[in-house]
Structure formats: C-alpha cells, structure tokens
N, C-alpha and C. Protein backbone atom coordinates (compact mmCIF):
# COMPACT_ATOMS: atom_id res chain seq x y z
N UNK A 1 -17.28 -128.62 -98.74
CA UNK A 1 -17.31 -127.27 -98.21
C UNK A 1 -16.31 -127.16 -97.06
N UNK A 2 -15.48 -126.16 -97.11
CA UNK A 2 -14.44 -125.95 -96.11
C UNK A 2 -14.98 -125.05 -95.00
N UNK A 3 -15.08 -125.57 -93.78
CA UNK A 3 -15.64 -124.80 -92.66
C UNK A 3 -14.68 -123.71 -92.19
N UNK A 4 -13.38 -123.91 -92.32
CA UNK A 4 -12.38 -122.94 -91.86
C UNK A 4 -12.17 -121.81 -92.86
N UNK A 5 -12.97 -121.76 -93.89
CA UNK A 5 -12.82 -120.73 -94.91
C UNK A 5 -13.13 -119.35 -94.33
N UNK A 6 -12.27 -118.38 -94.54
CA UNK A 6 -12.46 -117.00 -94.04
C UNK A 6 -13.04 -116.14 -95.14
N UNK A 7 -14.06 -115.39 -94.81
CA UNK A 7 -14.71 -114.53 -95.79
C UNK A 7 -13.79 -113.39 -96.20
N UNK A 8 -13.00 -112.86 -95.24
CA UNK A 8 -12.11 -111.74 -95.50
C UNK A 8 -10.70 -112.24 -95.76
N UNK A 9 -9.96 -111.60 -96.65
CA UNK A 9 -8.56 -111.96 -96.83
C UNK A 9 -7.78 -111.68 -95.53
N UNK A 10 -6.63 -112.31 -95.36
CA UNK A 10 -5.85 -112.17 -94.12
C UNK A 10 -5.49 -110.72 -93.83
N UNK A 11 -5.13 -109.94 -94.85
CA UNK A 11 -4.76 -108.54 -94.63
C UNK A 11 -5.94 -107.74 -94.09
N UNK A 12 -7.13 -107.99 -94.61
CA UNK A 12 -8.32 -107.29 -94.14
C UNK A 12 -8.63 -107.67 -92.70
N UNK A 13 -8.50 -108.95 -92.37
CA UNK A 13 -8.75 -109.41 -91.00
C UNK A 13 -7.76 -108.76 -90.04
N UNK A 14 -6.49 -108.70 -90.43
CA UNK A 14 -5.48 -108.06 -89.59
C UNK A 14 -5.80 -106.59 -89.40
N UNK A 15 -6.19 -105.92 -90.46
CA UNK A 15 -6.53 -104.49 -90.39
C UNK A 15 -7.74 -104.26 -89.48
N UNK A 16 -8.77 -105.08 -89.60
CA UNK A 16 -9.95 -104.95 -88.75
C UNK A 16 -9.59 -105.20 -87.28
N UNK A 17 -8.72 -106.16 -87.03
CA UNK A 17 -8.28 -106.45 -85.65
C UNK A 17 -7.53 -105.26 -85.06
N UNK A 18 -6.64 -104.67 -85.85
CA UNK A 18 -5.88 -103.50 -85.37
C UNK A 18 -6.82 -102.33 -85.08
N UNK A 19 -7.80 -102.11 -85.95
CA UNK A 19 -8.75 -101.02 -85.73
C UNK A 19 -9.56 -101.25 -84.46
N UNK A 20 -9.95 -102.49 -84.20
CA UNK A 20 -10.71 -102.80 -82.98
C UNK A 20 -9.86 -102.53 -81.74
N UNK A 21 -8.59 -102.94 -81.78
CA UNK A 21 -7.70 -102.70 -80.64
C UNK A 21 -7.51 -101.21 -80.43
N UNK A 22 -7.31 -100.45 -81.52
CA UNK A 22 -7.16 -99.00 -81.40
C UNK A 22 -8.42 -98.37 -80.84
N UNK A 23 -9.58 -98.88 -81.24
CA UNK A 23 -10.85 -98.35 -80.72
C UNK A 23 -10.95 -98.53 -79.22
N UNK A 24 -10.56 -99.71 -78.72
CA UNK A 24 -10.57 -99.93 -77.27
C UNK A 24 -9.60 -99.00 -76.58
N UNK A 25 -8.42 -98.79 -77.15
CA UNK A 25 -7.43 -97.90 -76.54
C UNK A 25 -7.93 -96.47 -76.51
N UNK A 26 -8.58 -96.03 -77.59
CA UNK A 26 -9.08 -94.66 -77.64
C UNK A 26 -10.20 -94.45 -76.64
N UNK A 27 -11.13 -95.39 -76.53
CA UNK A 27 -12.25 -95.19 -75.61
C UNK A 27 -11.79 -95.26 -74.17
N UNK A 28 -10.74 -96.02 -73.87
CA UNK A 28 -10.28 -96.07 -72.48
C UNK A 28 -9.61 -94.77 -72.06
N UNK A 29 -9.06 -94.01 -73.01
CA UNK A 29 -8.42 -92.74 -72.68
C UNK A 29 -9.23 -91.55 -73.19
N UNK A 30 -10.49 -91.75 -73.51
CA UNK A 30 -11.30 -90.69 -74.11
C UNK A 30 -11.51 -89.51 -73.18
N UNK A 31 -11.42 -89.74 -71.86
CA UNK A 31 -11.63 -88.63 -70.94
C UNK A 31 -10.43 -87.70 -70.90
N UNK A 32 -9.28 -88.13 -71.46
CA UNK A 32 -8.10 -87.29 -71.47
C UNK A 32 -8.02 -86.54 -72.79
N UNK A 33 -8.02 -85.23 -72.71
CA UNK A 33 -7.93 -84.40 -73.90
C UNK A 33 -6.49 -83.91 -74.06
N UNK A 34 -6.09 -83.70 -75.30
CA UNK A 34 -4.73 -83.25 -75.57
C UNK A 34 -4.66 -81.72 -75.52
N UNK A 35 -3.44 -81.22 -75.40
CA UNK A 35 -3.24 -79.77 -75.40
C UNK A 35 -3.69 -79.18 -76.73
N UNK A 36 -3.40 -79.87 -77.83
CA UNK A 36 -3.84 -79.38 -79.15
C UNK A 36 -5.35 -79.19 -79.20
N UNK A 37 -6.09 -80.16 -78.65
CA UNK A 37 -7.55 -80.04 -78.63
C UNK A 37 -7.97 -78.84 -77.78
N UNK A 38 -7.35 -78.71 -76.63
CA UNK A 38 -7.71 -77.62 -75.72
C UNK A 38 -7.43 -76.25 -76.33
N UNK A 39 -6.36 -76.17 -77.12
CA UNK A 39 -6.04 -74.91 -77.79
C UNK A 39 -7.00 -74.60 -78.93
N UNK A 40 -7.50 -75.63 -79.59
CA UNK A 40 -8.36 -75.41 -80.75
C UNK A 40 -9.82 -75.18 -80.40
N UNK A 41 -10.29 -75.71 -79.28
CA UNK A 41 -11.71 -75.62 -78.96
C UNK A 41 -12.28 -74.20 -78.91
N UNK A 42 -11.65 -73.23 -78.22
CA UNK A 42 -12.27 -71.91 -78.15
C UNK A 42 -12.53 -71.26 -79.50
N UNK A 43 -11.63 -71.45 -80.46
CA UNK A 43 -11.84 -70.84 -81.77
C UNK A 43 -12.64 -71.74 -82.71
N UNK A 44 -12.76 -73.03 -82.40
CA UNK A 44 -13.50 -73.95 -83.25
C UNK A 44 -15.00 -73.70 -83.20
N UNK A 45 -15.48 -73.20 -82.09
CA UNK A 45 -16.90 -72.98 -81.92
C UNK A 45 -17.55 -74.12 -81.17
N UNK A 46 -18.72 -73.86 -80.64
CA UNK A 46 -19.38 -74.81 -79.76
C UNK A 46 -19.83 -76.07 -80.50
N UNK A 47 -20.27 -75.94 -81.75
CA UNK A 47 -20.76 -77.10 -82.50
C UNK A 47 -19.63 -78.07 -82.85
N UNK A 48 -18.50 -77.54 -83.33
CA UNK A 48 -17.36 -78.41 -83.66
C UNK A 48 -16.77 -79.03 -82.40
N UNK A 49 -16.73 -78.27 -81.31
CA UNK A 49 -16.23 -78.81 -80.05
C UNK A 49 -17.11 -79.97 -79.60
N UNK A 50 -18.43 -79.77 -79.69
CA UNK A 50 -19.35 -80.83 -79.29
C UNK A 50 -19.18 -82.08 -80.16
N UNK A 51 -19.03 -81.91 -81.46
CA UNK A 51 -18.85 -83.05 -82.35
C UNK A 51 -17.57 -83.81 -82.00
N UNK A 52 -16.52 -83.09 -81.72
CA UNK A 52 -15.25 -83.72 -81.35
C UNK A 52 -15.37 -84.48 -80.03
N UNK A 53 -16.01 -83.87 -79.04
CA UNK A 53 -16.16 -84.52 -77.74
C UNK A 53 -17.07 -85.76 -77.84
N UNK A 54 -18.17 -85.63 -78.55
CA UNK A 54 -19.10 -86.77 -78.67
C UNK A 54 -18.45 -87.94 -79.41
N UNK A 55 -17.57 -87.64 -80.37
CA UNK A 55 -16.86 -88.70 -81.08
C UNK A 55 -15.95 -89.48 -80.14
N UNK A 56 -15.53 -88.84 -79.03
CA UNK A 56 -14.67 -89.50 -78.04
C UNK A 56 -15.47 -90.09 -76.88
N UNK A 57 -16.80 -90.02 -76.95
CA UNK A 57 -17.62 -90.64 -75.92
C UNK A 57 -18.15 -89.72 -74.85
N UNK A 58 -17.88 -88.42 -74.95
CA UNK A 58 -18.40 -87.46 -73.97
C UNK A 58 -19.90 -87.30 -74.19
N UNK A 59 -20.63 -87.01 -73.12
CA UNK A 59 -22.07 -86.82 -73.19
C UNK A 59 -22.45 -85.40 -72.78
N UNK A 60 -23.49 -84.86 -73.41
CA UNK A 60 -24.00 -83.55 -73.01
C UNK A 60 -24.52 -83.64 -71.58
N UNK A 61 -24.23 -82.62 -70.79
CA UNK A 61 -24.60 -82.63 -69.39
C UNK A 61 -25.55 -81.49 -69.04
N UNK A 62 -25.26 -80.30 -69.60
CA UNK A 62 -26.05 -79.13 -69.24
C UNK A 62 -25.85 -78.02 -70.28
N UNK A 63 -26.88 -77.21 -70.48
CA UNK A 63 -26.79 -76.03 -71.33
C UNK A 63 -27.47 -74.88 -70.60
N UNK A 64 -26.81 -73.72 -70.57
CA UNK A 64 -27.39 -72.51 -69.98
C UNK A 64 -27.35 -71.40 -71.01
N UNK A 65 -28.42 -70.63 -71.08
CA UNK A 65 -28.48 -69.49 -71.98
C UNK A 65 -28.62 -68.24 -71.12
N UNK A 66 -27.71 -67.29 -71.31
CA UNK A 66 -27.79 -66.01 -70.59
C UNK A 66 -28.00 -64.93 -71.64
N UNK A 67 -29.26 -64.61 -71.85
CA UNK A 67 -29.62 -63.71 -72.95
C UNK A 67 -29.10 -62.29 -72.73
N UNK A 68 -28.96 -61.86 -71.48
CA UNK A 68 -28.49 -60.49 -71.23
C UNK A 68 -27.03 -60.29 -71.65
N UNK A 69 -26.25 -61.37 -71.71
CA UNK A 69 -24.85 -61.24 -72.11
C UNK A 69 -24.53 -62.03 -73.38
N UNK A 70 -25.57 -62.53 -74.06
CA UNK A 70 -25.39 -63.33 -75.26
C UNK A 70 -24.41 -64.49 -75.05
N UNK A 71 -24.57 -65.17 -73.92
CA UNK A 71 -23.68 -66.27 -73.55
C UNK A 71 -24.43 -67.60 -73.56
N UNK A 72 -23.80 -68.59 -74.19
CA UNK A 72 -24.28 -69.96 -74.10
C UNK A 72 -23.18 -70.74 -73.39
N UNK A 73 -23.54 -71.39 -72.30
CA UNK A 73 -22.58 -72.17 -71.53
C UNK A 73 -23.01 -73.64 -71.60
N UNK A 74 -22.16 -74.46 -72.21
CA UNK A 74 -22.50 -75.87 -72.41
C UNK A 74 -21.48 -76.74 -71.69
N UNK A 75 -21.97 -77.82 -71.06
CA UNK A 75 -21.12 -78.72 -70.30
C UNK A 75 -21.27 -80.14 -70.84
N UNK A 76 -20.13 -80.85 -70.92
CA UNK A 76 -20.09 -82.26 -71.28
C UNK A 76 -19.40 -83.02 -70.16
N UNK A 77 -19.70 -84.31 -70.05
CA UNK A 77 -19.15 -85.13 -68.97
C UNK A 77 -18.78 -86.51 -69.52
N UNK A 78 -17.79 -87.11 -68.89
CA UNK A 78 -17.42 -88.49 -69.20
C UNK A 78 -16.93 -89.15 -67.92
N UNK A 79 -17.28 -90.41 -67.72
CA UNK A 79 -16.82 -91.15 -66.54
C UNK A 79 -15.42 -91.67 -66.80
N UNK A 80 -14.57 -91.58 -65.78
CA UNK A 80 -13.22 -92.12 -65.86
C UNK A 80 -13.26 -93.59 -65.46
N UNK A 81 -12.69 -94.42 -66.27
CA UNK A 81 -12.73 -95.86 -66.01
C UNK A 81 -11.82 -96.26 -64.84
N UNK A 82 -10.74 -95.51 -64.62
CA UNK A 82 -9.73 -95.95 -63.65
C UNK A 82 -10.01 -95.51 -62.22
N UNK A 83 -10.87 -94.52 -61.99
CA UNK A 83 -11.08 -94.08 -60.61
C UNK A 83 -12.51 -93.68 -60.29
N UNK A 84 -13.46 -94.00 -61.14
CA UNK A 84 -14.89 -93.72 -60.92
C UNK A 84 -15.22 -92.25 -60.76
N UNK A 85 -14.29 -91.36 -61.04
CA UNK A 85 -14.59 -89.93 -61.03
C UNK A 85 -15.01 -89.51 -62.43
N UNK A 86 -15.51 -88.31 -62.55
CA UNK A 86 -15.94 -87.82 -63.85
C UNK A 86 -15.06 -86.66 -64.27
N UNK A 87 -14.91 -86.49 -65.57
CA UNK A 87 -14.23 -85.34 -66.14
C UNK A 87 -15.29 -84.46 -66.80
N UNK A 88 -15.03 -83.16 -66.81
CA UNK A 88 -15.99 -82.21 -67.37
C UNK A 88 -15.29 -81.25 -68.33
N UNK A 89 -16.01 -80.85 -69.36
CA UNK A 89 -15.60 -79.76 -70.23
C UNK A 89 -16.75 -78.77 -70.23
N UNK A 90 -16.41 -77.50 -70.04
CA UNK A 90 -17.43 -76.46 -70.09
C UNK A 90 -16.98 -75.40 -71.09
N UNK A 91 -17.87 -75.07 -72.01
CA UNK A 91 -17.57 -74.13 -73.09
C UNK A 91 -18.39 -72.86 -72.89
N UNK A 92 -17.72 -71.71 -72.91
CA UNK A 92 -18.38 -70.41 -72.79
C UNK A 92 -18.39 -69.77 -74.17
N UNK A 93 -19.55 -69.72 -74.79
CA UNK A 93 -19.70 -69.20 -76.15
C UNK A 93 -20.40 -67.85 -76.09
N UNK A 94 -19.60 -66.77 -76.29
CA UNK A 94 -20.14 -65.42 -76.32
C UNK A 94 -20.57 -65.15 -77.76
N UNK A 95 -21.87 -65.21 -78.01
CA UNK A 95 -22.42 -65.18 -79.35
C UNK A 95 -21.97 -63.97 -80.17
N UNK A 96 -21.87 -62.80 -79.55
CA UNK A 96 -21.55 -61.59 -80.30
C UNK A 96 -20.07 -61.21 -80.20
N UNK A 97 -19.31 -61.86 -79.33
CA UNK A 97 -17.88 -61.57 -79.18
C UNK A 97 -17.12 -62.89 -79.19
N UNK A 98 -16.94 -63.46 -80.36
CA UNK A 98 -16.33 -64.78 -80.50
C UNK A 98 -14.90 -64.84 -79.94
N UNK A 99 -14.18 -63.71 -79.93
CA UNK A 99 -12.82 -63.70 -79.38
C UNK A 99 -12.81 -63.96 -77.88
N UNK A 100 -13.93 -63.74 -77.22
CA UNK A 100 -14.02 -63.94 -75.78
C UNK A 100 -14.31 -65.40 -75.39
N UNK A 101 -14.65 -66.25 -76.38
CA UNK A 101 -14.96 -67.65 -76.09
C UNK A 101 -13.80 -68.30 -75.35
N UNK A 102 -14.13 -69.13 -74.39
CA UNK A 102 -13.11 -69.92 -73.71
C UNK A 102 -13.74 -71.20 -73.19
N UNK A 103 -12.89 -72.10 -72.72
CA UNK A 103 -13.39 -73.35 -72.17
C UNK A 103 -12.53 -73.74 -70.98
N UNK A 104 -13.12 -74.60 -70.15
CA UNK A 104 -12.33 -75.21 -69.08
C UNK A 104 -12.57 -76.70 -69.09
N UNK A 105 -11.55 -77.39 -68.62
CA UNK A 105 -11.53 -78.85 -68.64
C UNK A 105 -11.07 -79.31 -67.27
N UNK A 106 -11.88 -80.10 -66.59
CA UNK A 106 -11.56 -80.60 -65.25
C UNK A 106 -11.41 -82.11 -65.32
N UNK A 107 -10.31 -82.61 -64.76
CA UNK A 107 -10.02 -84.05 -64.79
C UNK A 107 -9.21 -84.41 -63.56
N UNK A 108 -8.90 -85.71 -63.39
CA UNK A 108 -8.20 -86.12 -62.16
C UNK A 108 -6.97 -86.99 -62.43
N UNK A 109 -6.51 -87.05 -63.66
CA UNK A 109 -5.38 -87.90 -64.03
C UNK A 109 -4.07 -87.11 -63.94
N UNK A 110 -3.23 -87.43 -62.93
CA UNK A 110 -1.97 -86.71 -62.73
C UNK A 110 -1.04 -86.87 -63.92
N UNK A 111 -1.01 -88.05 -64.54
CA UNK A 111 -0.13 -88.25 -65.70
C UNK A 111 -0.52 -87.31 -66.84
N UNK A 112 -1.82 -87.13 -67.05
CA UNK A 112 -2.28 -86.21 -68.10
C UNK A 112 -1.87 -84.78 -67.76
N UNK A 113 -1.90 -84.41 -66.49
CA UNK A 113 -1.47 -83.09 -66.02
C UNK A 113 0.01 -82.87 -66.35
N UNK A 114 0.83 -83.88 -66.07
CA UNK A 114 2.27 -83.77 -66.33
C UNK A 114 2.55 -83.70 -67.83
N UNK A 115 1.77 -84.43 -68.63
CA UNK A 115 1.93 -84.38 -70.09
C UNK A 115 1.58 -82.99 -70.60
N UNK A 116 0.53 -82.39 -70.06
CA UNK A 116 0.12 -81.03 -70.48
C UNK A 116 1.24 -80.04 -70.18
N UNK A 117 1.84 -80.12 -68.99
CA UNK A 117 2.93 -79.21 -68.63
C UNK A 117 4.11 -79.39 -69.59
N UNK A 118 4.46 -80.64 -69.86
CA UNK A 118 5.56 -80.94 -70.79
C UNK A 118 5.24 -80.39 -72.19
N UNK A 119 4.01 -80.58 -72.66
CA UNK A 119 3.63 -80.10 -73.98
C UNK A 119 3.64 -78.57 -74.05
N UNK A 120 3.23 -77.92 -72.97
CA UNK A 120 3.27 -76.45 -72.95
C UNK A 120 4.71 -75.96 -73.13
N UNK A 121 5.65 -76.60 -72.46
CA UNK A 121 7.06 -76.20 -72.58
C UNK A 121 7.58 -76.49 -73.99
N UNK A 122 7.23 -77.64 -74.55
CA UNK A 122 7.68 -77.99 -75.90
C UNK A 122 7.15 -77.01 -76.94
N UNK A 123 5.94 -76.50 -76.71
CA UNK A 123 5.33 -75.58 -77.67
C UNK A 123 5.78 -74.13 -77.46
N UNK A 124 6.64 -73.90 -76.49
CA UNK A 124 7.18 -72.56 -76.29
C UNK A 124 6.33 -71.64 -75.43
N UNK A 125 5.39 -72.18 -74.69
CA UNK A 125 4.59 -71.35 -73.78
C UNK A 125 5.48 -70.85 -72.64
N UNK A 126 5.31 -69.59 -72.26
CA UNK A 126 6.05 -69.01 -71.14
C UNK A 126 5.20 -69.08 -69.88
N UNK A 127 5.81 -69.51 -68.79
CA UNK A 127 5.11 -69.56 -67.50
C UNK A 127 5.16 -68.15 -66.89
N UNK A 128 4.03 -67.46 -66.92
CA UNK A 128 3.96 -66.10 -66.38
C UNK A 128 3.92 -66.09 -64.86
N UNK A 129 3.57 -67.21 -64.26
CA UNK A 129 3.43 -67.27 -62.81
C UNK A 129 4.74 -67.52 -62.09
N UNK A 130 5.80 -67.84 -62.82
CA UNK A 130 7.08 -68.15 -62.19
C UNK A 130 7.57 -66.99 -61.34
N UNK A 131 7.34 -65.75 -61.79
CA UNK A 131 7.79 -64.58 -61.03
C UNK A 131 6.97 -64.37 -59.76
N UNK A 132 5.70 -64.74 -59.80
CA UNK A 132 4.82 -64.46 -58.66
C UNK A 132 4.81 -65.61 -57.65
N UNK A 133 5.64 -66.63 -57.85
CA UNK A 133 5.67 -67.77 -56.92
C UNK A 133 6.11 -67.35 -55.52
N UNK A 134 6.87 -66.26 -55.46
CA UNK A 134 7.38 -65.83 -54.16
C UNK A 134 6.36 -65.07 -53.33
N UNK A 135 5.20 -64.79 -53.91
CA UNK A 135 4.16 -64.10 -53.15
C UNK A 135 3.74 -64.97 -51.97
N UNK A 136 3.52 -64.33 -50.85
CA UNK A 136 3.10 -65.09 -49.68
C UNK A 136 1.64 -65.49 -49.82
N UNK A 137 1.40 -66.75 -49.53
CA UNK A 137 0.03 -67.26 -49.60
C UNK A 137 -0.48 -67.53 -48.20
N UNK A 138 -1.79 -67.51 -48.09
CA UNK A 138 -2.44 -67.81 -46.84
C UNK A 138 -2.09 -69.22 -46.40
N UNK A 139 -1.78 -69.40 -45.13
CA UNK A 139 -1.42 -70.73 -44.65
C UNK A 139 -2.68 -71.47 -44.25
N UNK A 140 -3.08 -72.41 -45.12
CA UNK A 140 -4.21 -73.28 -44.85
C UNK A 140 -3.67 -74.63 -44.42
N UNK A 141 -4.54 -75.46 -43.95
CA UNK A 141 -4.14 -76.81 -43.60
C UNK A 141 -3.91 -77.58 -44.91
N UNK A 142 -2.63 -77.95 -45.25
CA UNK A 142 -2.35 -78.59 -46.52
C UNK A 142 -2.96 -79.99 -46.64
N UNK A 143 -3.37 -80.57 -45.52
CA UNK A 143 -4.00 -81.89 -45.57
C UNK A 143 -5.47 -81.80 -45.98
N UNK A 144 -6.05 -80.61 -45.88
CA UNK A 144 -7.45 -80.42 -46.24
C UNK A 144 -7.61 -79.76 -47.61
N UNK A 145 -6.79 -78.73 -47.86
CA UNK A 145 -6.97 -77.97 -49.08
C UNK A 145 -5.64 -77.35 -49.51
N UNK A 146 -5.34 -77.49 -50.78
CA UNK A 146 -4.15 -76.88 -51.33
C UNK A 146 -4.44 -76.56 -52.79
N UNK A 147 -3.97 -75.42 -53.27
CA UNK A 147 -4.22 -75.01 -54.65
C UNK A 147 -2.98 -74.38 -55.24
N UNK A 148 -2.71 -74.71 -56.48
CA UNK A 148 -1.59 -74.15 -57.22
C UNK A 148 -2.11 -73.72 -58.59
N UNK A 149 -1.71 -72.56 -59.05
CA UNK A 149 -2.16 -72.06 -60.34
C UNK A 149 -0.99 -71.47 -61.12
N UNK A 150 -0.89 -71.81 -62.39
CA UNK A 150 0.13 -71.26 -63.27
C UNK A 150 -0.53 -70.76 -64.55
N UNK A 151 -0.03 -69.63 -65.05
CA UNK A 151 -0.49 -69.08 -66.32
C UNK A 151 0.59 -69.27 -67.36
N UNK A 152 0.22 -69.80 -68.52
CA UNK A 152 1.15 -70.03 -69.62
C UNK A 152 0.65 -69.24 -70.83
N UNK A 153 1.57 -68.48 -71.44
CA UNK A 153 1.22 -67.63 -72.57
C UNK A 153 2.08 -67.98 -73.78
N UNK A 154 1.44 -68.03 -74.95
CA UNK A 154 2.15 -68.21 -76.21
C UNK A 154 1.67 -67.14 -77.18
N UNK A 155 2.60 -66.25 -77.57
CA UNK A 155 2.26 -65.25 -78.58
C UNK A 155 2.06 -65.91 -79.93
N UNK A 156 2.86 -66.94 -80.21
CA UNK A 156 2.76 -67.65 -81.49
C UNK A 156 1.41 -68.33 -81.63
N UNK A 157 0.94 -69.01 -80.58
CA UNK A 157 -0.35 -69.71 -80.62
C UNK A 157 -1.52 -68.78 -80.30
N UNK A 158 -1.21 -67.56 -79.86
CA UNK A 158 -2.22 -66.57 -79.47
C UNK A 158 -3.16 -67.16 -78.42
N UNK A 159 -2.54 -67.76 -77.41
CA UNK A 159 -3.33 -68.47 -76.42
C UNK A 159 -2.78 -68.27 -75.01
N UNK A 160 -3.71 -68.22 -74.05
CA UNK A 160 -3.37 -68.20 -72.63
C UNK A 160 -3.99 -69.44 -72.01
N UNK A 161 -3.16 -70.22 -71.34
CA UNK A 161 -3.61 -71.42 -70.64
C UNK A 161 -3.44 -71.19 -69.15
N UNK A 162 -4.49 -71.43 -68.40
CA UNK A 162 -4.42 -71.38 -66.94
C UNK A 162 -4.52 -72.82 -66.47
N UNK A 163 -3.52 -73.24 -65.73
CA UNK A 163 -3.44 -74.62 -65.27
C UNK A 163 -3.50 -74.62 -63.74
N UNK A 164 -4.52 -75.29 -63.20
CA UNK A 164 -4.71 -75.31 -61.75
C UNK A 164 -4.67 -76.74 -61.23
N UNK A 165 -4.03 -76.90 -60.09
CA UNK A 165 -4.03 -78.17 -59.38
C UNK A 165 -4.69 -77.90 -58.03
N UNK A 166 -5.73 -78.65 -57.74
CA UNK A 166 -6.48 -78.44 -56.51
C UNK A 166 -6.51 -79.75 -55.73
N UNK A 167 -6.15 -79.67 -54.46
CA UNK A 167 -6.19 -80.83 -53.57
C UNK A 167 -7.22 -80.53 -52.50
N UNK A 168 -8.30 -81.33 -52.45
CA UNK A 168 -9.37 -81.12 -51.48
C UNK A 168 -9.68 -82.44 -50.80
N UNK A 169 -9.50 -82.48 -49.51
CA UNK A 169 -9.86 -83.66 -48.71
C UNK A 169 -9.37 -84.97 -49.33
N UNK A 170 -8.09 -85.01 -49.68
CA UNK A 170 -7.48 -86.24 -50.16
C UNK A 170 -7.66 -86.54 -51.62
N UNK A 171 -8.30 -85.65 -52.38
CA UNK A 171 -8.52 -85.88 -53.82
C UNK A 171 -7.90 -84.76 -54.62
N UNK A 172 -7.22 -85.11 -55.72
CA UNK A 172 -6.65 -84.12 -56.63
C UNK A 172 -7.58 -83.90 -57.80
N UNK A 173 -7.67 -82.67 -58.22
CA UNK A 173 -8.38 -82.32 -59.44
C UNK A 173 -7.50 -81.33 -60.19
N UNK A 174 -7.53 -81.42 -61.51
CA UNK A 174 -6.76 -80.53 -62.35
C UNK A 174 -7.74 -79.81 -63.27
N UNK A 175 -7.52 -78.51 -63.42
CA UNK A 175 -8.42 -77.69 -64.24
C UNK A 175 -7.57 -76.88 -65.21
N UNK A 176 -7.97 -76.88 -66.46
CA UNK A 176 -7.30 -76.08 -67.49
C UNK A 176 -8.32 -75.13 -68.09
N UNK A 177 -7.93 -73.85 -68.15
CA UNK A 177 -8.73 -72.85 -68.85
C UNK A 177 -7.96 -72.49 -70.11
N UNK A 178 -8.65 -72.42 -71.24
CA UNK A 178 -8.02 -72.07 -72.50
C UNK A 178 -8.69 -70.82 -73.06
N UNK A 179 -7.89 -69.73 -73.20
CA UNK A 179 -8.40 -68.44 -73.67
C UNK A 179 -7.61 -67.99 -74.89
N UNK A 180 -8.23 -67.20 -75.73
CA UNK A 180 -7.48 -66.45 -76.74
C UNK A 180 -6.71 -65.37 -75.99
N UNK A 181 -5.43 -65.19 -76.33
CA UNK A 181 -4.62 -64.19 -75.61
C UNK A 181 -5.09 -62.77 -75.90
N UNK A 182 -5.92 -62.59 -76.91
CA UNK A 182 -6.45 -61.26 -77.25
C UNK A 182 -7.78 -60.97 -76.58
N UNK A 183 -8.33 -61.92 -75.85
CA UNK A 183 -9.60 -61.69 -75.16
C UNK A 183 -9.39 -60.75 -73.98
N UNK A 184 -10.44 -60.09 -73.57
CA UNK A 184 -10.35 -59.15 -72.45
C UNK A 184 -9.99 -59.88 -71.15
N UNK A 185 -10.57 -61.05 -70.95
CA UNK A 185 -10.27 -61.84 -69.74
C UNK A 185 -8.79 -62.17 -69.69
N UNK A 186 -8.23 -62.64 -70.81
CA UNK A 186 -6.81 -63.00 -70.86
C UNK A 186 -5.93 -61.79 -70.61
N UNK A 187 -6.25 -60.67 -71.24
CA UNK A 187 -5.43 -59.47 -71.04
C UNK A 187 -5.46 -59.01 -69.59
N UNK A 188 -6.61 -59.11 -68.92
CA UNK A 188 -6.71 -58.75 -67.51
C UNK A 188 -5.87 -59.68 -66.64
N UNK A 189 -5.93 -60.98 -66.92
CA UNK A 189 -5.15 -61.96 -66.14
C UNK A 189 -3.65 -61.77 -66.34
N UNK A 190 -3.25 -61.49 -67.58
CA UNK A 190 -1.83 -61.26 -67.87
C UNK A 190 -1.35 -60.01 -67.14
N UNK A 191 -2.16 -58.96 -67.13
CA UNK A 191 -1.79 -57.72 -66.43
C UNK A 191 -1.63 -57.95 -64.94
N UNK A 192 -2.44 -58.80 -64.35
CA UNK A 192 -2.35 -59.09 -62.92
C UNK A 192 -1.05 -59.82 -62.57
N UNK A 193 -0.53 -60.61 -63.49
CA UNK A 193 0.69 -61.38 -63.23
C UNK A 193 1.94 -60.53 -63.33
N UNK A 194 1.84 -59.40 -64.03
CA UNK A 194 3.03 -58.53 -64.22
C UNK A 194 3.29 -57.65 -63.05
C-alpha cells in the first residue's frame, strides 16, 4: 500500500488549492463593494441585495418598518480586518414606489474610495458638483471636522451617485448613496446642484 497516494488527481488538487486561495482573498476584501454592485442594489430589491451581501460575509444588523410611508429600512454590517472599524450598508425599500429605493454604503478604505472615483469616470458619470466647488463653505476647524460631497450622474446608467468623504476627529469615513436618477430624491438633488 502506497501511503503517498493522492485521492484526487493533480489537476483537481491544483484547482481546489486555487479556489481556497481565492476564497481567502474574497473574504479579506468582502467589506469593499464594487461600483457595479452599488449601482445594481437599488433596482435589485432588498432580498437579492441581502443574498449578495450575505454571500460576501455581511451580517444583518437592523430592520425598521415605517408603515405610514411603506418603508422598510434594513442594515447590514461587516468588520474590517485591517483597521477594526465596521462597514455598513443600509437599504431603503419603498414598498409601493420601487423607483424611490436607494441605498447607502459607509466604509473607511481610502483605496476603495479612489477606485470608486476612477470607476465613475470610466463609466462616463458626470461630476455635477464641479461647478458648485466655488461656493463658500463655513470655516470649521479642519483638524476636527471636514466634509466633501460630490454628485455623479449617468443618464446611460440612469443613476445618481452621491460620494461623501467625512473626516471627524482623526478618522476618515466614506459614504456612497446610490439612487435611480428618475427618483424624486435624485431629481431634487440634481436641481439643487444646477
């Protein structure tokens, strides 16, 4: 009897090893969502969004029901391995007005923030906030609090992305809101930027 005998052929062993390595890579970056995911979530619906997030290791955190406005607000959370902070996704599901659904995603990875900006430009999103950059802002202590917000619109993707960078007491947080460009909230925000 040969003790070194392998039950699996070499190709199968190599394939299983590659899948295991990919699994570790995916779970280590599971808190980072792609722009494609962020664009698809509002129209995918709350159930598909939850299935996608749970497959990446996100956990349910909170659910709120607002019966007067037919709104279900669901939150998911995941711990970041590199800085002990948590990332959150919150989905606003307007049961009777599906076009109004939107989500926000809060995270703390600057590289992911820069990738999102690059992807927005590659996909042809227009920065609506570029014109309003010259508006005078309140002078706060920049060492305590600083906030930057940009609105990106794509007629082709029918989407409005609000990208915020917030610096509070030495910590950066990045927040992305993803709306259908035909929703009332998006139309109001676009009108304010013009």
